[in-house]
Amino acid sequence: MLAAKRRIVMKMPLDSWRRDFLGSGLIEIPLDGQVGIAAVELSDFHADPADRIIIASAIHNGAALLTADQGMLDWPGPLDRHDARV
């Protein structure tokens, strides 16, 4: 969706990009009901449901989040995050 909105440039098809990252060790984290509940219960975070699910998934699974999203980087909650722009 970000590529369609021209917010990012994909140099290869999305499926190939995903397969390459999975092959290099990226681990996909499944969503479950606990993540959904945690997403709803985030405090002091904006209302975008996708962003809430991303944040809640990282927290619930004890994973670090690599993002360029300033709202996620600035959120004061308990999240191990890293700026993807640096």
N, C-alpha and C. Protein backbone atom coordinates (compact mmCIF):
# COMPACT_ATOMS: atom_id res chain seq x y z
N MET A 1 0.83 -1.19 0.00
CA MET A 1 0.00 0.00 0.00
C MET A 1 0.87 1.26 0.00
N LEU A 2 1.98 1.20 0.76
CA LEU A 2 2.89 2.35 0.78
C LEU A 2 3.51 2.57 -0.59
N ALA A 3 3.82 1.49 -1.29
CA ALA A 3 4.38 1.61 -2.64
C ALA A 3 3.34 2.21 -3.58
N ALA A 4 2.11 1.79 -3.46
CA ALA A 4 1.05 2.33 -4.31
C ALA A 4 0.84 3.82 -4.06
N LYS A 5 1.07 4.25 -2.82
CA LYS A 5 0.94 5.67 -2.48
C LYS A 5 2.23 6.45 -2.75
N ARG A 6 3.24 5.73 -3.26
CA ARG A 6 4.55 6.32 -3.58
C ARG A 6 5.27 6.86 -2.35
N ARG A 7 5.03 6.22 -1.21
CA ARG A 7 5.73 6.60 0.03
C ARG A 7 7.01 5.80 0.19
N ILE A 8 7.07 4.63 -0.48
CA ILE A 8 8.29 3.85 -0.55
C ILE A 8 8.45 3.35 -1.98
N VAL A 9 9.66 2.96 -2.34
CA VAL A 9 9.93 2.40 -3.66
C VAL A 9 10.37 0.96 -3.48
N MET A 10 9.66 0.05 -4.11
CA MET A 10 10.01 -1.37 -4.08
C MET A 10 10.77 -1.67 -5.36
N LYS A 11 11.98 -2.20 -5.22
CA LYS A 11 12.80 -2.49 -6.39
C LYS A 11 12.59 -3.91 -6.90
N MET A 12 11.72 -4.66 -6.23
CA MET A 12 11.38 -6.02 -6.66
C MET A 12 9.96 -6.31 -6.22
N PRO A 13 9.34 -7.34 -6.78
CA PRO A 13 7.98 -7.69 -6.35
C PRO A 13 7.95 -8.00 -4.85
N LEU A 14 6.87 -7.66 -4.20
CA LEU A 14 6.73 -7.82 -2.76
C LEU A 14 6.97 -9.27 -2.33
N ASP A 15 6.45 -10.23 -3.07
CA ASP A 15 6.62 -11.63 -2.72
C ASP A 15 8.11 -12.02 -2.73
N SER A 16 8.85 -11.54 -3.70
CA SER A 16 10.29 -11.82 -3.76
C SER A 16 11.02 -11.16 -2.60
N TRP A 17 10.64 -9.94 -2.27
CA TRP A 17 11.25 -9.21 -1.16
C TRP A 17 11.05 -9.98 0.15
N ARG A 18 9.81 -10.45 0.37
CA ARG A 18 9.50 -11.21 1.58
C ARG A 18 10.30 -12.50 1.63
N ARG A 19 10.33 -13.23 0.53
CA ARG A 19 11.05 -14.50 0.48
C ARG A 19 12.53 -14.30 0.77
N ASP A 20 13.13 -13.23 0.23
CA ASP A 20 14.54 -12.94 0.48
C ASP A 20 14.79 -12.66 1.97
N PHE A 21 13.93 -11.87 2.59
CA PHE A 21 14.10 -11.56 4.01
C PHE A 21 13.90 -12.80 4.88
N LEU A 22 12.91 -13.62 4.56
CA LEU A 22 12.71 -14.85 5.32
C LEU A 22 13.93 -15.77 5.17
N GLY A 23 14.52 -15.81 3.99
CA GLY A 23 15.70 -16.61 3.75
C GLY A 23 16.92 -16.12 4.49
N SER A 24 16.94 -14.84 4.84
CA SER A 24 18.09 -14.27 5.54
C SER A 24 17.91 -14.27 7.06
N GLY A 25 16.80 -14.85 7.55
CA GLY A 25 16.63 -14.98 8.99
C GLY A 25 15.49 -14.20 9.60
N LEU A 26 14.78 -13.38 8.83
CA LEU A 26 13.62 -12.65 9.36
C LEU A 26 12.59 -13.66 9.85
N ILE A 27 12.01 -13.40 10.99
CA ILE A 27 10.99 -14.28 11.55
C ILE A 27 9.65 -13.55 11.54
N GLU A 28 8.66 -14.17 10.94
CA GLU A 28 7.32 -13.60 10.97
C GLU A 28 6.65 -13.95 12.29
N ILE A 29 5.98 -12.97 12.87
CA ILE A 29 5.29 -13.17 14.15
C ILE A 29 3.79 -13.25 13.85
N PRO A 30 3.15 -14.37 14.23
CA PRO A 30 1.71 -14.50 13.96
C PRO A 30 0.89 -13.59 14.87
N LEU A 31 -0.27 -13.21 14.41
CA LEU A 31 -1.21 -12.42 15.21
C LEU A 31 -2.15 -13.36 15.94
N ASP A 32 -2.55 -12.95 17.13
CA ASP A 32 -3.54 -13.72 17.87
C ASP A 32 -4.41 -12.76 18.67
N GLY A 33 -5.36 -13.31 19.38
CA GLY A 33 -6.29 -12.49 20.15
C GLY A 33 -5.62 -11.63 21.19
N GLN A 34 -4.58 -12.13 21.83
CA GLN A 34 -3.87 -11.35 22.85
C GLN A 34 -3.24 -10.10 22.24
N VAL A 35 -2.72 -10.21 21.03
CA VAL A 35 -2.16 -9.05 20.35
C VAL A 35 -3.27 -8.05 20.05
N GLY A 36 -4.42 -8.55 19.62
CA GLY A 36 -5.56 -7.66 19.35
C GLY A 36 -5.99 -6.89 20.59
N ILE A 37 -6.06 -7.59 21.71
CA ILE A 37 -6.44 -6.93 22.96
C ILE A 37 -5.38 -5.92 23.37
N ALA A 38 -4.11 -6.30 23.27
CA ALA A 38 -3.02 -5.38 23.62
C ALA A 38 -3.05 -4.14 22.73
N ALA A 39 -3.39 -4.32 21.45
CA ALA A 39 -3.46 -3.18 20.52
C ALA A 39 -4.53 -2.19 20.95
N VAL A 40 -5.67 -2.71 21.38
CA VAL A 40 -6.76 -1.84 21.83
C VAL A 40 -6.39 -1.11 23.12
N GLU A 41 -5.61 -1.77 23.98
CA GLU A 41 -5.30 -1.21 25.29
C GLU A 41 -4.06 -0.31 25.32
N LEU A 42 -3.40 -0.09 24.18
CA LEU A 42 -2.25 0.82 24.18
C LEU A 42 -2.68 2.21 24.63
N SER A 43 -1.93 2.79 25.52
CA SER A 43 -2.28 4.14 25.96
C SER A 43 -1.40 5.17 25.28
N ASP A 44 -1.95 6.34 25.10
CA ASP A 44 -1.22 7.47 24.52
C ASP A 44 -0.66 7.17 23.14
N PHE A 45 -1.39 6.40 22.33
CA PHE A 45 -0.96 6.11 20.97
C PHE A 45 -2.11 6.41 20.03
N HIS A 46 -1.79 6.88 18.82
CA HIS A 46 -2.84 7.29 17.89
C HIS A 46 -3.74 6.12 17.47
N ALA A 47 -4.81 6.41 16.78
CA ALA A 47 -5.88 5.44 16.55
C ALA A 47 -5.67 4.49 15.37
N ASP A 48 -4.61 4.63 14.57
CA ASP A 48 -4.43 3.77 13.40
C ASP A 48 -4.32 2.31 13.83
N PRO A 49 -5.29 1.47 13.42
CA PRO A 49 -5.29 0.08 13.89
C PRO A 49 -4.05 -0.71 13.44
N ALA A 50 -3.57 -0.49 12.24
CA ALA A 50 -2.39 -1.23 11.76
C ALA A 50 -1.17 -0.89 12.62
N ASP A 51 -0.96 0.38 12.90
CA ASP A 51 0.16 0.78 13.75
C ASP A 51 0.03 0.18 15.15
N ARG A 52 -1.18 0.16 15.67
CA ARG A 52 -1.41 -0.41 17.00
C ARG A 52 -1.08 -1.91 17.01
N ILE A 53 -1.45 -2.61 15.96
CA ILE A 53 -1.16 -4.05 15.88
C ILE A 53 0.35 -4.28 15.78
N ILE A 54 1.04 -3.45 15.02
CA ILE A 54 2.50 -3.58 14.90
C ILE A 54 3.17 -3.39 16.26
N ILE A 55 2.80 -2.33 16.96
CA ILE A 55 3.37 -2.04 18.27
C ILE A 55 3.05 -3.17 19.26
N ALA A 56 1.77 -3.56 19.32
CA ALA A 56 1.35 -4.61 20.26
C ALA A 56 2.04 -5.94 19.96
N SER A 57 2.23 -6.26 18.68
CA SER A 57 2.92 -7.50 18.31
C SER A 57 4.35 -7.50 18.81
N ALA A 58 5.04 -6.40 18.63
CA ALA A 58 6.43 -6.31 19.08
C ALA A 58 6.51 -6.45 20.60
N ILE A 59 5.66 -5.73 21.31
CA ILE A 59 5.69 -5.80 22.78
C ILE A 59 5.33 -7.21 23.25
N HIS A 60 4.24 -7.76 22.73
CA HIS A 60 3.76 -9.06 23.16
C HIS A 60 4.79 -10.17 22.94
N ASN A 61 5.57 -10.05 21.88
CA ASN A 61 6.55 -11.07 21.54
C ASN A 61 7.97 -10.74 21.98
N GLY A 62 8.14 -9.61 22.67
CA GLY A 62 9.47 -9.23 23.13
C GLY A 62 10.43 -8.96 21.98
N ALA A 63 9.90 -8.46 20.88
CA ALA A 63 10.70 -8.22 19.68
C ALA A 63 11.06 -6.75 19.56
N ALA A 64 12.20 -6.49 18.97
CA ALA A 64 12.59 -5.11 18.66
C ALA A 64 11.87 -4.69 17.38
N LEU A 65 11.48 -3.43 17.31
CA LEU A 65 10.81 -2.90 16.13
C LEU A 65 11.75 -1.97 15.39
N LEU A 66 11.96 -2.23 14.12
CA LEU A 66 12.75 -1.36 13.25
C LEU A 66 11.76 -0.60 12.40
N THR A 67 11.73 0.73 12.55
CA THR A 67 10.73 1.54 11.85
C THR A 67 11.27 2.93 11.54
N ALA A 68 10.70 3.53 10.52
CA ALA A 68 10.98 4.93 10.21
C ALA A 68 9.77 5.79 10.58
N ASP A 69 8.75 5.19 11.16
CA ASP A 69 7.53 5.91 11.53
C ASP A 69 7.79 6.76 12.77
N GLN A 70 7.72 8.06 12.61
CA GLN A 70 8.06 8.96 13.71
C GLN A 70 7.11 8.81 14.90
N GLY A 71 5.85 8.53 14.63
CA GLY A 71 4.90 8.33 15.72
C GLY A 71 5.27 7.13 16.58
N MET A 72 5.71 6.06 15.96
CA MET A 72 6.14 4.87 16.71
C MET A 72 7.44 5.14 17.46
N LEU A 73 8.33 5.88 16.83
CA LEU A 73 9.60 6.20 17.48
C LEU A 73 9.42 7.12 18.68
N ASP A 74 8.46 8.03 18.60
CA ASP A 74 8.24 9.01 19.67
C ASP A 74 7.34 8.50 20.79
N TRP A 75 6.59 7.43 20.56
CA TRP A 75 5.65 6.94 21.55
C TRP A 75 6.41 6.60 22.84
N PRO A 76 5.93 7.07 23.99
CA PRO A 76 6.67 6.89 25.24
C PRO A 76 6.51 5.51 25.89
N GLY A 77 5.77 4.61 25.27
CA GLY A 77 5.50 3.31 25.87
C GLY A 77 6.69 2.36 25.86
N PRO A 78 6.50 1.21 26.50
CA PRO A 78 7.58 0.22 26.68
C PRO A 78 7.83 -0.60 25.42
N LEU A 79 8.68 -0.12 24.56
CA LEU A 79 8.95 -0.78 23.29
C LEU A 79 10.42 -0.63 22.93
N ASP A 80 11.07 -1.74 22.60
CA ASP A 80 12.43 -1.71 22.09
C ASP A 80 12.33 -1.36 20.61
N ARG A 81 12.75 -0.15 20.24
CA ARG A 81 12.60 0.30 18.85
C ARG A 81 13.88 0.92 18.35
N HIS A 82 14.04 0.86 17.04
CA HIS A 82 15.23 1.40 16.38
C HIS A 82 14.80 2.15 15.14
N ASP A 83 15.44 3.28 14.90
CA ASP A 83 15.13 4.12 13.75
C ASP A 83 15.75 3.50 12.50
N ALA A 84 14.91 3.13 11.55
CA ALA A 84 15.36 2.49 10.32
C ALA A 84 16.06 3.47 9.38
N ARG A 85 15.97 4.77 9.67
CA ARG A 85 16.57 5.77 8.77
C ARG A 85 18.04 5.99 9.06
N VAL A 86 18.54 5.44 10.16
CA VAL A 86 19.96 5.66 10.49
C VAL A 86 20.75 4.38 10.38
